[in-house]
């Protein structure tokens, strides 16, 4: 990630979490889970309060530790409380996808009904056509997505029942050559 972009993202992370976007308020209001968060996640050392979900996708903790400043910035992009990582993947030198959970539930199913946020960070420092799409595990729910020309990140996008879904990341170079075209499982299911 470019030095100037990384510095601005770290500054955002140090100032504090961004308020949740207006679109997040229209979703089902999550209810608190009875189990303490400690039982659902483990803290990642050196990340300023970020955790990894107990059923996070394989390799998530390693991605967070590889660039903790970017991980903190990604969590802050999602808004207040989205500090539990459920999946993260680095796609070469092009970008890093993150999905976050806020420790609450939006329904009665404590596996699927977790509000999820997804962000796809542009690690090149150059504006690219890119995007992120978040699909929940329910077929009747429309996907949420953010595609366009971005120099820092695509997203955040939200699903109120997003656990066990998929986050899709896409990026092209200036000639239209596809650089990233990947799906990431949101958590570990089944």
N, C-alpha and C. Protein backbone atom coordinates (compact mmCIF):
# COMPACT_ATOMS: atom_id res chain seq x y z
N UNK A 1 0.86 -1.16 0.00
CA UNK A 1 0.00 0.00 0.00
C UNK A 1 0.90 1.22 0.00
N UNK A 2 0.55 2.25 -0.79
CA UNK A 2 1.37 3.45 -0.87
C UNK A 2 1.54 4.10 0.49
N UNK A 3 2.71 4.72 0.70
CA UNK A 3 3.04 5.33 1.98
C UNK A 3 2.06 6.42 2.37
N UNK A 4 1.67 7.28 1.43
CA UNK A 4 0.73 8.36 1.74
C UNK A 4 -0.64 7.82 2.11
N UNK A 5 -1.09 6.81 1.37
CA UNK A 5 -2.39 6.21 1.68
C UNK A 5 -2.34 5.53 3.03
N UNK A 6 -1.29 4.75 3.29
CA UNK A 6 -1.16 4.07 4.57
C UNK A 6 -1.15 5.08 5.70
N UNK A 7 -0.43 6.21 5.56
CA UNK A 7 -0.37 7.22 6.60
C UNK A 7 -1.75 7.80 6.87
N UNK A 8 -2.54 8.06 5.82
CA UNK A 8 -3.88 8.61 6.05
C UNK A 8 -4.79 7.59 6.70
N UNK A 9 -4.65 6.31 6.34
CA UNK A 9 -5.47 5.27 6.95
C UNK A 9 -5.11 5.07 8.42
N UNK A 10 -3.82 5.11 8.72
CA UNK A 10 -3.38 4.98 10.11
C UNK A 10 -3.88 6.16 10.92
N UNK A 11 -3.88 7.35 10.34
CA UNK A 11 -4.40 8.53 11.05
C UNK A 11 -5.86 8.35 11.38
N UNK A 12 -6.64 7.81 10.44
CA UNK A 12 -8.05 7.53 10.71
C UNK A 12 -8.19 6.54 11.85
N UNK A 13 -7.35 5.50 11.84
CA UNK A 13 -7.41 4.48 12.87
C UNK A 13 -7.09 5.05 14.25
N UNK A 14 -6.12 5.96 14.29
CA UNK A 14 -5.73 6.52 15.57
C UNK A 14 -6.75 7.50 16.12
N UNK A 15 -7.49 8.18 15.23
CA UNK A 15 -8.51 9.13 15.69
C UNK A 15 -9.66 8.38 16.35
N UNK A 16 -9.98 7.21 15.86
CA UNK A 16 -11.06 6.42 16.44
C UNK A 16 -11.96 5.90 15.35
N UNK A 17 -12.92 5.11 15.74
CA UNK A 17 -13.81 4.47 14.80
C UNK A 17 -14.76 5.48 14.16
N UNK A 18 -15.07 5.23 12.92
CA UNK A 18 -16.01 6.05 12.18
C UNK A 18 -17.42 5.60 12.56
N UNK A 19 -18.36 6.51 12.57
CA UNK A 19 -19.75 6.15 12.86
C UNK A 19 -20.25 5.23 11.76
N UNK A 20 -21.17 4.33 12.11
CA UNK A 20 -21.74 3.41 11.13
C UNK A 20 -22.49 4.22 10.08
N UNK A 21 -22.44 3.80 8.82
CA UNK A 21 -23.10 4.54 7.76
C UNK A 21 -24.60 4.50 7.88
N UNK A 22 -25.26 5.45 7.22
CA UNK A 22 -26.71 5.55 7.30
C UNK A 22 -27.38 4.26 6.86
N UNK A 23 -26.84 3.56 5.86
CA UNK A 23 -27.43 2.32 5.39
C UNK A 23 -27.45 1.24 6.46
N UNK A 24 -26.51 1.27 7.38
CA UNK A 24 -26.47 0.25 8.42
C UNK A 24 -27.62 0.42 9.40
N UNK A 25 -28.12 1.62 9.59
CA UNK A 25 -29.20 1.87 10.54
C UNK A 25 -30.51 1.27 10.08
N UNK A 26 -30.68 1.07 8.75
CA UNK A 26 -31.94 0.54 8.26
C UNK A 26 -32.03 -0.98 8.40
N UNK A 27 -30.96 -1.63 8.77
CA UNK A 27 -30.97 -3.08 8.92
C UNK A 27 -31.64 -3.45 10.23
N UNK A 28 -31.92 -4.74 10.36
CA UNK A 28 -32.48 -5.22 11.63
C UNK A 28 -31.58 -4.79 12.77
N UNK A 29 -32.18 -4.37 13.87
CA UNK A 29 -31.38 -3.96 15.02
C UNK A 29 -30.83 -5.20 15.71
N UNK A 30 -29.50 -5.34 15.77
CA UNK A 30 -28.92 -6.52 16.39
C UNK A 30 -29.16 -6.54 17.90
N UNK A 31 -29.25 -7.74 18.42
CA UNK A 31 -29.38 -7.87 19.87
C UNK A 31 -28.07 -8.42 20.41
N UNK A 32 -27.77 -8.10 21.63
CA UNK A 32 -26.51 -8.56 22.22
C UNK A 32 -26.55 -10.05 22.46
N UNK A 33 -25.42 -10.68 22.33
CA UNK A 33 -25.27 -12.11 22.57
C UNK A 33 -25.02 -12.34 24.05
N UNK A 34 -25.57 -13.40 24.59
CA UNK A 34 -25.42 -13.70 26.01
C UNK A 34 -23.99 -14.12 26.37
N UNK A 35 -23.32 -14.87 25.47
CA UNK A 35 -21.95 -15.30 25.75
C UNK A 35 -21.02 -14.10 25.71
N UNK A 36 -20.04 -14.04 26.62
CA UNK A 36 -19.07 -12.96 26.54
C UNK A 36 -18.29 -13.04 25.24
N UNK A 37 -17.87 -11.88 24.72
CA UNK A 37 -17.12 -11.86 23.48
C UNK A 37 -15.83 -12.65 23.57
N UNK A 38 -15.25 -12.73 24.75
CA UNK A 38 -14.00 -13.48 24.92
C UNK A 38 -14.18 -14.93 24.50
N UNK A 39 -15.37 -15.51 24.70
CA UNK A 39 -15.62 -16.89 24.33
C UNK A 39 -15.81 -17.04 22.82
N UNK A 40 -16.12 -15.93 22.14
CA UNK A 40 -16.40 -15.97 20.71
C UNK A 40 -15.20 -15.55 19.86
N UNK A 41 -14.19 -14.94 20.49
CA UNK A 41 -13.06 -14.43 19.74
C UNK A 41 -11.81 -14.39 20.61
N UNK A 42 -10.66 -14.24 19.95
CA UNK A 42 -9.41 -14.08 20.68
C UNK A 42 -8.73 -12.81 20.19
N UNK A 43 -8.16 -12.06 21.13
CA UNK A 43 -7.48 -10.81 20.80
C UNK A 43 -6.23 -11.09 19.97
N UNK A 44 -5.94 -10.18 19.06
CA UNK A 44 -4.73 -10.27 18.24
C UNK A 44 -3.75 -9.26 18.80
N UNK A 45 -2.62 -9.75 19.28
CA UNK A 45 -1.65 -8.85 19.91
C UNK A 45 -1.13 -7.81 18.93
N UNK A 46 -0.95 -6.60 19.45
CA UNK A 46 -0.39 -5.51 18.67
C UNK A 46 -1.33 -4.84 17.70
N UNK A 47 -2.64 -5.11 17.80
CA UNK A 47 -3.58 -4.54 16.84
C UNK A 47 -4.53 -3.52 17.47
N UNK A 48 -4.28 -3.11 18.70
CA UNK A 48 -5.13 -2.08 19.29
C UNK A 48 -6.56 -2.50 19.53
N UNK A 49 -6.79 -3.73 19.93
CA UNK A 49 -8.14 -4.16 20.29
C UNK A 49 -8.85 -5.02 19.27
N UNK A 50 -8.22 -5.38 18.17
CA UNK A 50 -8.87 -6.25 17.20
C UNK A 50 -8.83 -7.69 17.68
N UNK A 51 -9.84 -8.45 17.30
CA UNK A 51 -9.93 -9.86 17.66
C UNK A 51 -10.20 -10.69 16.41
N UNK A 52 -10.00 -11.98 16.54
CA UNK A 52 -10.33 -12.94 15.49
C UNK A 52 -11.44 -13.82 16.03
N UNK A 53 -12.50 -13.99 15.27
CA UNK A 53 -13.63 -14.83 15.68
C UNK A 53 -13.18 -16.26 15.89
N UNK A 54 -13.82 -16.93 16.83
CA UNK A 54 -13.48 -18.32 17.12
C UNK A 54 -13.60 -19.20 15.88
N UNK A 55 -14.54 -18.89 14.98
CA UNK A 55 -14.73 -19.66 13.75
C UNK A 55 -14.33 -18.84 12.53
N UNK A 56 -13.22 -18.12 12.63
CA UNK A 56 -12.73 -17.32 11.50
C UNK A 56 -12.18 -18.22 10.41
N UNK A 57 -12.19 -17.72 9.20
CA UNK A 57 -11.63 -18.45 8.07
C UNK A 57 -10.12 -18.65 8.28
N UNK A 58 -9.60 -19.74 7.76
CA UNK A 58 -8.19 -20.07 7.89
C UNK A 58 -7.32 -18.95 7.32
N UNK A 59 -6.26 -18.59 8.05
CA UNK A 59 -5.31 -17.59 7.60
C UNK A 59 -5.65 -16.17 7.99
N UNK A 60 -6.81 -15.96 8.60
CA UNK A 60 -7.25 -14.61 8.94
C UNK A 60 -6.29 -13.92 9.90
N UNK A 61 -5.91 -14.60 10.97
CA UNK A 61 -5.04 -13.98 11.96
C UNK A 61 -3.69 -13.59 11.34
N UNK A 62 -3.17 -14.41 10.45
CA UNK A 62 -1.90 -14.11 9.81
C UNK A 62 -1.99 -12.85 8.97
N UNK A 63 -3.10 -12.65 8.25
CA UNK A 63 -3.28 -11.44 7.44
C UNK A 63 -3.34 -10.21 8.34
N UNK A 64 -4.05 -10.30 9.47
CA UNK A 64 -4.15 -9.17 10.39
C UNK A 64 -2.78 -8.81 10.96
N UNK A 65 -2.01 -9.81 11.34
CA UNK A 65 -0.69 -9.57 11.92
C UNK A 65 0.31 -9.05 10.90
N UNK A 66 0.15 -9.40 9.62
CA UNK A 66 1.10 -8.99 8.58
C UNK A 66 1.10 -7.48 8.38
N UNK A 67 -0.05 -6.83 8.58
CA UNK A 67 -0.13 -5.38 8.43
C UNK A 67 -1.20 -4.87 9.39
N UNK A 68 -0.80 -4.74 10.65
CA UNK A 68 -1.78 -4.39 11.69
C UNK A 68 -2.36 -2.99 11.50
N UNK A 69 -1.57 -2.05 11.00
CA UNK A 69 -2.09 -0.69 10.78
C UNK A 69 -3.23 -0.71 9.75
N UNK A 70 -3.04 -1.45 8.66
CA UNK A 70 -4.08 -1.55 7.64
C UNK A 70 -5.31 -2.28 8.19
N UNK A 71 -5.10 -3.32 9.01
CA UNK A 71 -6.23 -4.05 9.60
C UNK A 71 -7.05 -3.14 10.51
N UNK A 72 -6.39 -2.34 11.34
CA UNK A 72 -7.09 -1.41 12.22
C UNK A 72 -7.86 -0.39 11.39
N UNK A 73 -7.24 0.12 10.34
CA UNK A 73 -7.91 1.08 9.46
C UNK A 73 -9.13 0.46 8.81
N UNK A 74 -9.02 -0.80 8.36
CA UNK A 74 -10.15 -1.49 7.73
C UNK A 74 -11.30 -1.65 8.70
N UNK A 75 -11.00 -2.01 9.94
CA UNK A 75 -12.06 -2.15 10.95
C UNK A 75 -12.74 -0.80 11.19
N UNK A 76 -11.96 0.27 11.24
CA UNK A 76 -12.52 1.59 11.46
C UNK A 76 -13.39 2.05 10.31
N UNK A 77 -13.08 1.65 9.09
CA UNK A 77 -13.90 1.99 7.93
C UNK A 77 -15.31 1.41 8.12
N UNK A 78 -15.40 0.23 8.71
CA UNK A 78 -16.71 -0.41 8.92
C UNK A 78 -17.55 0.31 9.97
N UNK A 79 -16.92 0.99 10.90
CA UNK A 79 -17.68 1.73 11.90
C UNK A 79 -17.50 1.18 13.30
N UNK A 80 -18.10 1.85 14.22
CA UNK A 80 -17.97 1.54 15.64
C UNK A 80 -18.38 0.11 15.95
N UNK A 81 -17.51 -0.60 16.64
CA UNK A 81 -17.83 -1.95 17.11
C UNK A 81 -17.42 -3.07 16.19
N UNK A 82 -17.13 -2.80 14.94
CA UNK A 82 -16.72 -3.86 14.00
C UNK A 82 -15.23 -4.13 14.20
N UNK A 83 -14.91 -4.91 15.23
CA UNK A 83 -13.52 -5.17 15.60
C UNK A 83 -13.18 -6.65 15.65
N UNK A 84 -14.12 -7.52 15.29
CA UNK A 84 -13.88 -8.96 15.31
C UNK A 84 -13.78 -9.45 13.87
N UNK A 85 -12.59 -9.88 13.47
CA UNK A 85 -12.38 -10.33 12.11
C UNK A 85 -12.90 -11.75 11.93
N UNK A 86 -13.67 -11.97 10.87
CA UNK A 86 -14.17 -13.31 10.58
C UNK A 86 -13.49 -13.90 9.36
N UNK A 87 -12.87 -13.04 8.53
CA UNK A 87 -12.06 -13.53 7.42
C UNK A 87 -11.26 -12.37 6.84
N UNK A 88 -10.10 -12.71 6.33
CA UNK A 88 -9.24 -11.73 5.66
C UNK A 88 -8.36 -12.50 4.69
N UNK A 89 -8.08 -11.88 3.56
CA UNK A 89 -7.22 -12.52 2.56
C UNK A 89 -6.45 -11.45 1.80
N UNK A 90 -5.19 -11.74 1.56
CA UNK A 90 -4.33 -10.84 0.78
C UNK A 90 -4.22 -11.44 -0.61
N UNK A 91 -4.44 -10.59 -1.63
CA UNK A 91 -4.41 -11.02 -3.02
C UNK A 91 -3.16 -10.44 -3.69
N UNK A 92 -2.05 -11.16 -3.54
CA UNK A 92 -0.77 -10.73 -4.09
C UNK A 92 -0.39 -9.36 -3.54
N UNK A 93 0.05 -8.48 -4.42
CA UNK A 93 0.41 -7.12 -4.01
C UNK A 93 -0.71 -6.14 -4.36
N UNK A 94 -1.86 -6.65 -4.79
CA UNK A 94 -2.93 -5.80 -5.29
C UNK A 94 -3.90 -5.31 -4.22
N UNK A 95 -4.34 -6.21 -3.35
CA UNK A 95 -5.34 -5.78 -2.39
C UNK A 95 -5.55 -6.79 -1.28
N UNK A 96 -6.25 -6.34 -0.25
CA UNK A 96 -6.56 -7.18 0.90
C UNK A 96 -8.04 -7.02 1.23
N UNK A 97 -8.73 -8.15 1.35
CA UNK A 97 -10.15 -8.14 1.71
C UNK A 97 -10.29 -8.47 3.19
N UNK A 98 -11.19 -7.76 3.84
CA UNK A 98 -11.46 -7.97 5.27
C UNK A 98 -12.97 -8.08 5.46
N UNK A 99 -13.39 -8.99 6.35
CA UNK A 99 -14.77 -8.99 6.82
C UNK A 99 -14.76 -8.91 8.34
N UNK A 100 -15.70 -8.13 8.88
CA UNK A 100 -15.73 -7.83 10.31
C UNK A 100 -17.11 -8.08 10.89
N UNK A 101 -17.13 -8.42 12.16
CA UNK A 101 -18.36 -8.66 12.92
C UNK A 101 -18.30 -7.76 14.15
N UNK A 102 -19.46 -7.34 14.64
CA UNK A 102 -19.49 -6.45 15.80
C UNK A 102 -19.90 -7.13 17.10
N UNK A 103 -19.99 -8.46 17.10
CA UNK A 103 -20.28 -9.19 18.34
C UNK A 103 -21.75 -9.28 18.69
N UNK A 104 -22.64 -8.84 17.80
CA UNK A 104 -24.07 -8.90 18.06
C UNK A 104 -24.74 -9.84 17.07
N UNK A 105 -26.04 -10.05 17.27
CA UNK A 105 -26.83 -10.90 16.39
C UNK A 105 -28.07 -10.14 15.94
N UNK A 106 -28.50 -10.39 14.71
CA UNK A 106 -29.66 -9.71 14.16
C UNK A 106 -30.89 -10.61 14.09
N UNK A 107 -30.79 -11.80 14.65
CA UNK A 107 -31.89 -12.76 14.63
C UNK A 107 -31.62 -13.85 15.64
N UNK A 108 -32.38 -14.92 15.53
CA UNK A 108 -32.29 -15.99 16.53
C UNK A 108 -31.20 -17.02 16.23
N UNK A 109 -30.70 -17.07 15.01
CA UNK A 109 -29.67 -18.05 14.64
C UNK A 109 -28.30 -17.47 14.97
N UNK A 110 -27.65 -18.03 15.98
CA UNK A 110 -26.37 -17.46 16.44
C UNK A 110 -25.20 -17.81 15.54
N UNK A 111 -25.41 -18.56 14.48
CA UNK A 111 -24.35 -18.78 13.51
C UNK A 111 -24.51 -17.83 12.33
N UNK A 112 -25.64 -17.84 11.67
CA UNK A 112 -25.83 -17.07 10.44
C UNK A 112 -26.19 -15.60 10.68
N UNK A 113 -26.88 -15.28 11.75
CA UNK A 113 -27.47 -13.95 11.94
C UNK A 113 -26.51 -12.95 12.58
N UNK A 114 -25.31 -12.88 12.06
CA UNK A 114 -24.30 -11.94 12.56
C UNK A 114 -24.15 -10.79 11.55
N UNK A 115 -24.28 -9.55 11.99
CA UNK A 115 -24.04 -8.43 11.08
C UNK A 115 -22.58 -8.43 10.63
N UNK A 116 -22.37 -8.39 9.32
CA UNK A 116 -21.03 -8.47 8.76
C UNK A 116 -20.78 -7.24 7.88
N UNK A 117 -19.55 -6.75 7.93
CA UNK A 117 -19.09 -5.65 7.09
C UNK A 117 -17.91 -6.17 6.26
N UNK A 118 -17.85 -5.78 4.99
CA UNK A 118 -16.73 -6.16 4.13
C UNK A 118 -16.11 -4.92 3.50
N UNK A 119 -14.78 -4.94 3.41
CA UNK A 119 -14.00 -3.87 2.80
C UNK A 119 -12.89 -4.53 1.97
N UNK A 120 -12.63 -3.99 0.78
CA UNK A 120 -11.53 -4.47 -0.05
C UNK A 120 -10.55 -3.31 -0.24
N UNK A 121 -9.37 -3.44 0.37
CA UNK A 121 -8.36 -2.39 0.34
C UNK A 121 -7.49 -2.51 -0.90
N UNK A 122 -7.22 -1.37 -1.53
CA UNK A 122 -6.33 -1.26 -2.67
C UNK A 122 -4.92 -1.08 -2.12
N UNK A 123 -4.08 -2.07 -2.28
CA UNK A 123 -2.72 -2.01 -1.73
C UNK A 123 -1.69 -1.45 -2.72
N UNK A 124 -2.14 -1.01 -3.89
CA UNK A 124 -1.20 -0.55 -4.92
C UNK A 124 -0.87 0.93 -4.81
N UNK A 125 -1.76 1.72 -4.21
CA UNK A 125 -1.56 3.16 -4.16
C UNK A 125 -1.95 3.86 -5.45
N UNK A 126 -2.48 3.12 -6.41
CA UNK A 126 -2.90 3.65 -7.71
C UNK A 126 -4.40 3.41 -7.84
N UNK A 127 -5.12 4.39 -8.38
CA UNK A 127 -6.56 4.22 -8.58
C UNK A 127 -6.81 3.11 -9.59
N UNK A 128 -7.69 2.19 -9.22
CA UNK A 128 -8.10 1.08 -10.07
C UNK A 128 -9.61 0.97 -10.04
N UNK A 129 -10.18 0.41 -11.13
CA UNK A 129 -11.58 0.00 -11.07
C UNK A 129 -11.58 -1.25 -10.20
N UNK A 130 -12.38 -1.24 -9.14
CA UNK A 130 -12.40 -2.36 -8.20
C UNK A 130 -13.74 -2.38 -7.47
N UNK A 131 -13.96 -3.43 -6.73
CA UNK A 131 -15.19 -3.50 -5.97
C UNK A 131 -15.20 -4.63 -4.98
N UNK A 132 -16.23 -4.57 -4.12
CA UNK A 132 -16.47 -5.61 -3.13
C UNK A 132 -17.97 -5.88 -3.11
N UNK A 133 -18.32 -7.15 -3.03
CA UNK A 133 -19.73 -7.58 -2.96
C UNK A 133 -19.86 -8.54 -1.79
N UNK A 134 -20.89 -8.34 -0.97
CA UNK A 134 -21.12 -9.20 0.18
C UNK A 134 -22.45 -9.92 0.01
N UNK A 135 -22.38 -11.23 0.08
CA UNK A 135 -23.56 -12.09 -0.05
C UNK A 135 -23.75 -12.81 1.27
N UNK A 136 -24.98 -12.78 1.79
CA UNK A 136 -25.22 -13.53 3.03
C UNK A 136 -25.57 -14.97 2.69
N UNK A 137 -25.95 -15.75 3.69
CA UNK A 137 -26.24 -17.16 3.50
C UNK A 137 -27.72 -17.43 3.20
N UNK A 138 -28.50 -16.38 3.04
CA UNK A 138 -29.92 -16.52 2.74
C UNK A 138 -30.14 -16.14 1.28
N UNK A 139 -30.79 -16.99 0.50
CA UNK A 139 -30.94 -16.75 -0.93
C UNK A 139 -31.89 -15.59 -1.23
N UNK A 140 -32.80 -15.24 -0.34
CA UNK A 140 -33.76 -14.18 -0.61
C UNK A 140 -33.20 -12.78 -0.39
N UNK A 141 -32.03 -12.66 0.20
CA UNK A 141 -31.45 -11.35 0.49
C UNK A 141 -30.60 -10.89 -0.69
N UNK A 142 -30.82 -9.64 -1.10
CA UNK A 142 -30.01 -9.07 -2.19
C UNK A 142 -28.57 -8.87 -1.71
N UNK A 143 -27.62 -9.07 -2.61
CA UNK A 143 -26.22 -8.79 -2.30
C UNK A 143 -26.04 -7.28 -2.13
N UNK A 144 -25.05 -6.88 -1.34
CA UNK A 144 -24.68 -5.47 -1.24
C UNK A 144 -23.31 -5.32 -1.89
N UNK A 145 -23.09 -4.22 -2.60
CA UNK A 145 -21.83 -4.07 -3.31
C UNK A 145 -21.45 -2.61 -3.46
N UNK A 146 -20.15 -2.41 -3.73
CA UNK A 146 -19.60 -1.10 -3.99
C UNK A 146 -18.50 -1.26 -5.04
N UNK A 147 -18.77 -0.80 -6.28
CA UNK A 147 -17.82 -0.88 -7.39
C UNK A 147 -17.58 0.50 -7.95
N UNK A 148 -16.35 0.77 -8.36
CA UNK A 148 -16.00 2.05 -8.95
C UNK A 148 -14.50 2.19 -9.04
N UNK A 149 -14.04 3.42 -9.31
CA UNK A 149 -12.61 3.71 -9.37
C UNK A 149 -12.18 4.20 -7.99
N UNK A 150 -11.31 3.43 -7.33
CA UNK A 150 -10.90 3.75 -5.96
C UNK A 150 -9.38 3.69 -5.82
N UNK A 151 -8.84 4.61 -5.03
CA UNK A 151 -7.40 4.58 -4.76
C UNK A 151 -7.10 3.96 -3.40
N UNK A 152 -8.10 3.91 -2.51
CA UNK A 152 -7.85 3.38 -1.16
C UNK A 152 -8.62 2.09 -0.88
N UNK A 153 -9.93 2.09 -1.04
CA UNK A 153 -10.71 0.88 -0.76
C UNK A 153 -12.09 0.96 -1.37
N UNK A 154 -12.68 -0.22 -1.58
CA UNK A 154 -14.07 -0.36 -1.98
C UNK A 154 -14.84 -0.81 -0.75
N UNK A 155 -16.03 -0.29 -0.58
CA UNK A 155 -16.83 -0.60 0.60
C UNK A 155 -16.85 0.59 1.52
N UNK A 156 -17.32 0.44 2.70
CA UNK A 156 -17.81 -0.80 3.30
C UNK A 156 -19.20 -1.19 2.79
N UNK A 157 -19.45 -2.48 2.78
CA UNK A 157 -20.78 -3.02 2.48
C UNK A 157 -21.19 -3.90 3.65
N UNK A 158 -22.50 -4.01 3.86
CA UNK A 158 -23.03 -4.67 5.06
C UNK A 158 -24.11 -5.69 4.72
N UNK A 159 -24.18 -6.73 5.52
CA UNK A 159 -25.30 -7.68 5.52
C UNK A 159 -25.66 -7.91 6.99
N UNK A 160 -26.93 -7.82 7.33
CA UNK A 160 -27.32 -8.00 8.73
C UNK A 160 -27.25 -9.47 9.16
N UNK A 161 -27.27 -10.40 8.19
CA UNK A 161 -27.16 -11.83 8.49
C UNK A 161 -26.09 -12.42 7.57
N UNK A 162 -24.88 -11.88 7.68
CA UNK A 162 -23.86 -12.18 6.69
C UNK A 162 -22.91 -13.32 6.98
N UNK A 163 -22.92 -13.88 8.18
CA UNK A 163 -21.98 -14.94 8.48
C UNK A 163 -22.32 -16.17 7.64
N UNK A 164 -21.31 -16.89 7.21
CA UNK A 164 -21.41 -18.05 6.32
C UNK A 164 -21.72 -17.65 4.89
N UNK A 165 -21.64 -16.37 4.58
CA UNK A 165 -21.82 -15.91 3.22
C UNK A 165 -20.48 -15.84 2.51
N UNK A 166 -20.40 -14.94 1.51
CA UNK A 166 -19.17 -14.77 0.75
C UNK A 166 -18.92 -13.29 0.49
N UNK A 167 -17.64 -12.93 0.50
CA UNK A 167 -17.22 -11.59 0.09
C UNK A 167 -16.45 -11.75 -1.22
N UNK A 168 -16.88 -11.02 -2.23
CA UNK A 168 -16.24 -11.07 -3.54
C UNK A 168 -15.41 -9.82 -3.73
N UNK A 169 -14.17 -9.96 -4.16
CA UNK A 169 -13.27 -8.84 -4.42
C UNK A 169 -12.85 -8.86 -5.88
N UNK A 170 -12.82 -7.66 -6.48
CA UNK A 170 -12.49 -7.55 -7.90
C UNK A 170 -11.64 -6.31 -8.13
N UNK A 171 -10.65 -6.42 -9.04
CA UNK A 171 -9.81 -5.27 -9.41
C UNK A 171 -9.29 -5.45 -10.83
N UNK A 172 -9.26 -4.33 -11.58
CA UNK A 172 -8.69 -4.30 -12.92
C UNK A 172 -7.58 -3.27 -12.98
N UNK A 173 -6.64 -3.45 -13.94
CA UNK A 173 -5.66 -2.39 -14.17
C UNK A 173 -6.23 -1.42 -15.21
N UNK A 174 -5.46 -0.41 -15.61
CA UNK A 174 -5.94 0.63 -16.52
C UNK A 174 -6.32 0.10 -17.89
N UNK A 175 -5.78 -1.06 -18.29
CA UNK A 175 -6.09 -1.63 -19.60
C UNK A 175 -7.28 -2.58 -19.55
N UNK A 176 -7.83 -2.81 -18.37
CA UNK A 176 -8.95 -3.73 -18.21
C UNK A 176 -8.53 -5.14 -17.84
N UNK A 177 -7.24 -5.38 -17.70
CA UNK A 177 -6.76 -6.71 -17.30
C UNK A 177 -7.19 -6.96 -15.85
N UNK A 178 -7.76 -8.13 -15.61
CA UNK A 178 -8.23 -8.48 -14.27
C UNK A 178 -7.05 -8.84 -13.39
N UNK A 179 -6.93 -8.13 -12.26
CA UNK A 179 -5.85 -8.37 -11.30
C UNK A 179 -6.33 -9.22 -10.12
N UNK A 180 -7.56 -8.98 -9.68
CA UNK A 180 -8.14 -9.73 -8.56
C UNK A 180 -9.56 -10.12 -8.94
N UNK A 181 -9.90 -11.37 -8.73
CA UNK A 181 -11.24 -11.90 -9.01
C UNK A 181 -11.43 -13.09 -8.06
N UNK A 182 -11.70 -12.78 -6.78
CA UNK A 182 -11.69 -13.82 -5.75
C UNK A 182 -12.90 -13.76 -4.83
N UNK A 183 -13.29 -14.94 -4.36
CA UNK A 183 -14.31 -15.07 -3.32
C UNK A 183 -13.62 -15.44 -2.01
N UNK A 184 -14.14 -14.91 -0.92
CA UNK A 184 -13.65 -15.20 0.42
C UNK A 184 -14.82 -15.66 1.27
N UNK A 185 -14.70 -16.81 1.90
CA UNK A 185 -15.76 -17.28 2.79
C UNK A 185 -15.80 -16.40 4.04
N UNK A 186 -17.00 -16.07 4.46
CA UNK A 186 -17.17 -15.25 5.66
C UNK A 186 -17.32 -16.21 6.85
N UNK A 187 -16.20 -16.45 7.54
CA UNK A 187 -16.19 -17.38 8.67
C UNK A 187 -16.09 -18.82 8.20
N UNK A 188 -16.10 -19.72 9.18
CA UNK A 188 -16.04 -21.14 8.92
C UNK A 188 -17.38 -21.75 9.29
N UNK A 189 -18.01 -22.40 8.34
CA UNK A 189 -19.35 -22.96 8.57
C UNK A 189 -19.36 -24.44 8.22
N UNK A 190 -20.21 -25.20 8.93
CA UNK A 190 -20.41 -26.64 8.73
C UNK A 190 -19.22 -27.43 9.13
